[in-house]
Amino acid sequence: MHIRSAGQLDTKPMAALLNAIIAQGGTTALTQPVTAADLAAKMAAYAGRTAWHLAEDDAGAVLGFQWLAPHPKLVPEAADIATFVEIGRTQLGIGSALFGATCQAARALGYRWINATIRADNSGGLAYYQSRGFQEYGRESNIALTDGTRVDRVHTRFDL
């Protein structure tokens, strides 16, 4: 497995991986498929304040990715994180390897802490972020997703 910065040319396989997770349901707040253009726009929207990392195997197949970006509900010294790992490949160290690169980038970008907002019913996501050292600092109840599903959300933070 290799970890590297992701760019515009990586958005198509990243969108495919993310869309499989969205289609499976239950672990992400995203409910509608994304396109490579959607991810490229997200990358460009926060240029200079964002970091995207990609995990790939020796053949170049995408195993997972992670992004870090500002969020309008956070203070400027905090960034929001999202992590996506190929279905069937969780608990193999992919997320851990991505997080190491993301923390390094967050510090270089001047962030003081990282926020992760996780669906309360996503036990795998909660365990992942807790194992990285994230601490819960808030909850929201009965939040409507775009498809009408109602979930609770847990807000956690990792101090850099």
C-alpha atoms as a PDB file:
ATOM      1  CA  MET A   1       0.000   0.000   0.000  1.00  0.00           C
ATOM      2  CA  HIS A   2       1.174   3.502  -0.872  1.00  0.00           C
ATOM      3  CA  ILE A   3      -0.116   6.814   0.483  1.00  0.00           C
ATOM      4  CA  ARG A   4       0.179   9.899  -1.689  1.00  0.00           C
ATOM      5  CA  SER A   5      -1.481  13.243  -2.244  1.00  0.00           C
ATOM      6  CA  ALA A   6      -4.581  12.962  -4.395  1.00  0.00           C
ATOM      7  CA  GLY A   7      -5.320  15.302  -7.267  1.00  0.00           C
ATOM      8  CA  GLN A   8      -7.838  16.073  -9.970  1.00  0.00           C
ATOM      9  CA  LEU A   9      -6.858  12.997 -12.018  1.00  0.00           C
ATOM     10  CA  ASP A  10      -7.728  10.734  -9.067  1.00  0.00           C
ATOM     11  CA  THR A  11     -11.311  11.912  -8.711  1.00  0.00           C
ATOM     12  CA  LYS A  12     -12.880   9.298 -11.007  1.00  0.00           C
ATOM     13  CA  PRO A  13     -11.718   6.212  -9.047  1.00  0.00           C
ATOM     14  CA  MET A  14     -12.318   8.057  -5.774  1.00  0.00           C
ATOM     15  CA  ALA A  15     -15.911   8.809  -6.811  1.00  0.00           C
ATOM     16  CA  ALA A  16     -16.425   5.156  -7.751  1.00  0.00           C
ATOM     17  CA  LEU A  17     -15.187   4.000  -4.327  1.00  0.00           C
ATOM     18  CA  LEU A  18     -17.338   6.567  -2.529  1.00  0.00           C
ATOM     19  CA  ASN A  19     -20.420   5.737  -4.596  1.00  0.00           C
ATOM     20  CA  ALA A  20     -20.143   2.074  -3.614  1.00  0.00           C
ATOM     21  CA  ILE A  21     -20.135   3.140   0.044  1.00  0.00           C
ATOM     22  CA  ILE A  22     -23.100   5.474  -0.507  1.00  0.00           C
ATOM     23  CA  ALA A  23     -25.037   2.717  -2.304  1.00  0.00           C
ATOM     24  CA  GLN A  24     -24.410   0.297   0.560  1.00  0.00           C
ATOM     25  CA  GLY A  25     -25.696   2.907   3.019  1.00  0.00           C
ATOM     26  CA  GLY A  26     -25.431   3.154   6.769  1.00  0.00           C
ATOM     27  CA  THR A  27     -21.966   4.640   7.226  1.00  0.00           C
ATOM     28  CA  THR A  28     -21.911   8.027   5.531  1.00  0.00           C
ATOM     29  CA  ALA A  29     -24.187  11.041   5.716  1.00  0.00           C
ATOM     30  CA  LEU A  30     -23.943  11.212   1.923  1.00  0.00           C
ATOM     31  CA  THR A  31     -26.983   9.654   0.287  1.00  0.00           C
ATOM     32  CA  GLN A  32     -26.664  10.749  -3.342  1.00  0.00           C
ATOM     33  CA  PRO A  33     -23.988   9.545  -5.775  1.00  0.00           C
ATOM     34  CA  VAL A  34     -21.067  11.884  -6.432  1.00  0.00           C
ATOM     35  CA  THR A  35     -19.209  12.491  -9.658  1.00  0.00           C
ATOM     36  CA  ALA A  36     -15.540  13.045 -10.338  1.00  0.00           C
ATOM     37  CA  ALA A  37     -16.476  16.662 -11.081  1.00  0.00           C
ATOM     38  CA  ASP A  38     -18.089  16.967  -7.630  1.00  0.00           C
ATOM     39  CA  LEU A  39     -14.883  15.831  -5.938  1.00  0.00           C
ATOM     40  CA  ALA A  40     -12.742  18.013  -8.186  1.00  0.00           C
ATOM     41  CA  ALA A  41     -14.888  21.033  -7.289  1.00  0.00           C
ATOM     42  CA  LYS A  42     -14.530  20.247  -3.581  1.00  0.00           C
ATOM     43  CA  MET A  43     -10.756  20.022  -4.001  1.00  0.00           C
ATOM     44  CA  ALA A  44     -10.642  23.368  -5.815  1.00  0.00           C
ATOM     45  CA  ALA A  45     -13.052  25.149  -3.454  1.00  0.00           C
ATOM     46  CA  TYR A  46     -10.597  25.139  -0.574  1.00  0.00           C
ATOM     47  CA  ALA A  47      -7.299  25.351  -2.438  1.00  0.00           C
ATOM     48  CA  GLY A  48      -4.492  26.107  -0.024  1.00  0.00           C
ATOM     49  CA  ARG A  49      -6.579  25.058   3.020  1.00  0.00           C
ATOM     50  CA  THR A  50      -7.270  21.433   2.158  1.00  0.00           C
ATOM     51  CA  ALA A  51      -5.405  18.147   1.926  1.00  0.00           C
ATOM     52  CA  TRP A  52      -6.450  15.011   0.069  1.00  0.00           C
ATOM     53  CA  HIS A  53      -4.643  11.692   0.452  1.00  0.00           C
ATOM     54  CA  LEU A  54      -5.079   8.473  -1.441  1.00  0.00           C
ATOM     55  CA  ALA A  55      -4.167   4.912  -0.493  1.00  0.00           C
ATOM     56  CA  GLU A  56      -3.448   2.621  -3.425  1.00  0.00           C
ATOM     57  CA  ASP A  57      -2.087  -0.852  -3.951  1.00  0.00           C
ATOM     58  CA  ASP A  58       0.999  -1.729  -5.997  1.00  0.00           C
ATOM     59  CA  ALA A  59      -1.092  -1.807  -9.180  1.00  0.00           C
ATOM     60  CA  GLY A  60      -2.464   1.687  -8.539  1.00  0.00           C
ATOM     61  CA  ALA A  61      -5.970   0.608  -7.490  1.00  0.00           C
ATOM     62  CA  VAL A  62      -7.574   2.969  -4.982  1.00  0.00           C
ATOM     63  CA  LEU A  63      -8.032   1.382  -1.546  1.00  0.00           C
ATOM     64  CA  GLY A  64      -9.270   4.479   0.239  1.00  0.00           C
ATOM     65  CA  PHE A  65      -8.954   8.217   0.575  1.00  0.00           C
ATOM     66  CA  GLN A  66      -9.214  10.943   3.154  1.00  0.00           C
ATOM     67  CA  TRP A  67      -9.777  14.659   2.928  1.00  0.00           C
ATOM     68  CA  LEU A  68      -9.287  17.520   5.300  1.00  0.00           C
ATOM     69  CA  ALA A  69     -10.937  20.889   4.659  1.00  0.00           C
ATOM     70  CA  PRO A  70     -12.384  23.942   6.389  1.00  0.00           C
ATOM     71  CA  HIS A  71     -16.046  23.779   7.351  1.00  0.00           C
ATOM     72  CA  PRO A  72     -18.364  26.777   7.776  1.00  0.00           C
ATOM     73  CA  LYS A  73     -19.546  25.525  11.189  1.00  0.00           C
ATOM     74  CA  LEU A  74     -15.992  25.288  12.538  1.00  0.00           C
ATOM     75  CA  VAL A  75     -13.556  27.909  13.779  1.00  0.00           C
ATOM     76  CA  PRO A  76     -10.728  28.813  11.343  1.00  0.00           C
ATOM     77  CA  GLU A  77      -8.129  26.825  13.318  1.00  0.00           C
ATOM     78  CA  ALA A  78     -10.141  23.607  12.865  1.00  0.00           C
ATOM     79  CA  ALA A  79     -10.556  21.405   9.817  1.00  0.00           C
ATOM     80  CA  ASP A  80     -13.139  18.762   9.034  1.00  0.00           C
ATOM     81  CA  ILE A  81     -12.062  15.253   8.035  1.00  0.00           C
ATOM     82  CA  ALA A  82     -13.717  12.505   6.011  1.00  0.00           C
ATOM     83  CA  THR A  83     -12.389   8.992   5.482  1.00  0.00           C
ATOM     84  CA  PHE A  84     -13.518   6.402   2.944  1.00  0.00           C
ATOM     85  CA  VAL A  85     -12.095   2.885   2.590  1.00  0.00           C
ATOM     86  CA  GLU A  86     -13.078   0.344  -0.036  1.00  0.00           C
ATOM     87  CA  ILE A  87     -15.875  -1.971   1.094  1.00  0.00           C
ATOM     88  CA  GLY A  88     -14.372  -5.169   2.479  1.00  0.00           C
ATOM     89  CA  ARG A  89     -10.989  -3.515   3.155  1.00  0.00           C
ATOM     90  CA  THR A  90     -11.667  -1.884   6.528  1.00  0.00           C
ATOM     91  CA  GLN A  91      -9.539  -2.786   9.546  1.00  0.00           C
ATOM     92  CA  LEU A  92      -6.479  -3.434   7.382  1.00  0.00           C
ATOM     93  CA  GLY A  93      -4.548  -0.290   8.315  1.00  0.00           C
ATOM     94  CA  ILE A  94      -5.617   1.816   5.339  1.00  0.00           C
ATOM     95  CA  GLY A  95      -7.324   4.473   7.462  1.00  0.00           C
ATOM     96  CA  SER A  96      -4.410   4.553   9.900  1.00  0.00           C
ATOM     97  CA  ALA A  97      -1.915   5.148   7.117  1.00  0.00           C
ATOM     98  CA  LEU A  98      -4.079   7.879   5.618  1.00  0.00           C
ATOM     99  CA  PHE A  99      -4.466   9.579   8.986  1.00  0.00           C
ATOM    100  CA  GLY A 100      -0.721   9.854   9.484  1.00  0.00           C
ATOM    101  CA  ALA A 101      -0.372  11.755   6.216  1.00  0.00           C
ATOM    102  CA  THR A 102      -3.440  13.887   6.951  1.00  0.00           C
ATOM    103  CA  CYS A 103      -2.174  14.925  10.408  1.00  0.00           C
ATOM    104  CA  GLN A 104       1.137  15.982   8.937  1.00  0.00           C
ATOM    105  CA  ALA A 105      -0.668  18.037   6.286  1.00  0.00           C
ATOM    106  CA  ALA A 106      -3.046  19.577   8.852  1.00  0.00           C
ATOM    107  CA  ARG A 107      -0.127  20.823  10.919  1.00  0.00           C
ATOM    108  CA  ALA A 108       1.583  22.225   7.814  1.00  0.00           C
ATOM    109  CA  LEU A 109      -1.652  24.046   6.911  1.00  0.00           C
ATOM    110  CA  GLY A 110      -1.754  25.629  10.368  1.00  0.00           C
ATOM    111  CA  TYR A 111      -4.741  23.807  11.801  1.00  0.00           C
ATOM    112  CA  ARG A 112      -4.849  23.287  15.587  1.00  0.00           C
ATOM    113  CA  TRP A 113      -7.450  20.521  15.662  1.00  0.00           C
ATOM    114  CA  ILE A 114      -9.444  18.185  13.426  1.00  0.00           C
ATOM    115  CA  ASN A 115     -13.196  17.612  13.613  1.00  0.00           C
ATOM    116  CA  ALA A 116     -14.836  14.344  12.644  1.00  0.00           C
ATOM    117  CA  THR A 117     -18.623  14.191  12.556  1.00  0.00           C
ATOM    118  CA  ILE A 118     -19.813  10.588  12.479  1.00  0.00           C
ATOM    119  CA  ARG A 119     -23.254   9.037  12.247  1.00  0.00           C
ATOM    120  CA  ALA A 120     -24.053   7.621  15.684  1.00  0.00           C
ATOM    121  CA  ASP A 121     -25.107   4.333  14.043  1.00  0.00           C
ATOM    122  CA  ASN A 122     -21.728   3.978  12.274  1.00  0.00           C
ATOM    123  CA  SER A 123     -19.950   1.815  14.844  1.00  0.00           C
ATOM    124  CA  GLY A 124     -16.974   1.225  12.549  1.00  0.00           C
ATOM    125  CA  GLY A 125     -16.462   4.943  11.965  1.00  0.00           C
ATOM    126  CA  LEU A 126     -16.811   5.735  15.657  1.00  0.00           C
ATOM    127  CA  ALA A 127     -14.272   3.029  16.529  1.00  0.00           C
ATOM    128  CA  TYR A 128     -11.852   4.239  13.846  1.00  0.00           C
ATOM    129  CA  TYR A 129     -11.801   7.842  15.017  1.00  0.00           C
ATOM    130  CA  GLN A 130     -11.699   6.863  18.705  1.00  0.00           C
ATOM    131  CA  SER A 131      -8.705   4.606  17.997  1.00  0.00           C
ATOM    132  CA  ARG A 132      -6.923   7.606  16.440  1.00  0.00           C
ATOM    133  CA  GLY A 133      -7.447   9.604  19.654  1.00  0.00           C
ATOM    134  CA  PHE A 134     -10.525  11.659  18.769  1.00  0.00           C
ATOM    135  CA  GLN A 135     -12.634  12.712  21.760  1.00  0.00           C
ATOM    136  CA  GLU A 136     -16.376  13.340  21.678  1.00  0.00           C
ATOM    137  CA  TYR A 137     -17.371  16.960  22.285  1.00  0.00           C
ATOM    138  CA  GLY A 138     -20.980  17.090  21.089  1.00  0.00           C
ATOM    139  CA  ARG A 139     -23.999  15.322  19.639  1.00  0.00           C
ATOM    140  CA  GLU A 140     -26.910  16.214  17.413  1.00  0.00           C
ATOM    141  CA  SER A 141     -30.142  14.230  17.447  1.00  0.00           C
ATOM    142  CA  ASN A 142     -32.644  13.402  14.749  1.00  0.00           C
ATOM    143  CA  ILE A 143     -30.809  15.050  11.829  1.00  0.00           C
ATOM    144  CA  ALA A 144     -32.429  14.584   8.410  1.00  0.00           C
ATOM    145  CA  LEU A 145     -30.167  13.382   5.608  1.00  0.00           C
ATOM    146  CA  THR A 146     -30.954  14.378   2.017  1.00  0.00           C
ATOM    147  CA  ASP A 147     -32.905  11.164   1.460  1.00  0.00           C
ATOM    148  CA  GLY A 148     -35.066  11.780   4.549  1.00  0.00           C
ATOM    149  CA  THR A 149     -33.278   9.261   6.777  1.00  0.00           C
ATOM    150  CA  ARG A 150     -32.991  10.592  10.318  1.00  0.00           C
ATOM    151  CA  VAL A 151     -29.781   9.973  12.262  1.00  0.00           C
ATOM    152  CA  ASP A 152     -27.919  11.171  15.305  1.00  0.00           C
ATOM    153  CA  ARG A 153     -24.445  12.610  14.762  1.00  0.00           C
ATOM    154  CA  VAL A 154     -21.433  12.543  17.053  1.00  0.00           C
ATOM    155  CA  HIS A 155     -18.884  15.389  16.893  1.00  0.00           C
ATOM    156  CA  THR A 156     -15.337  14.433  17.839  1.00  0.00           C
ATOM    157  CA  ARG A 157     -12.045  16.285  17.826  1.00  0.00           C
ATOM    158  CA  PHE A 158      -8.376  15.490  17.611  1.00  0.00           C
ATOM    159  CA  ASP A 159      -5.964  18.098  18.934  1.00  0.00           C
ATOM    160  CA  LEU A 160      -2.832  18.417  16.818  1.00  0.00           C
END
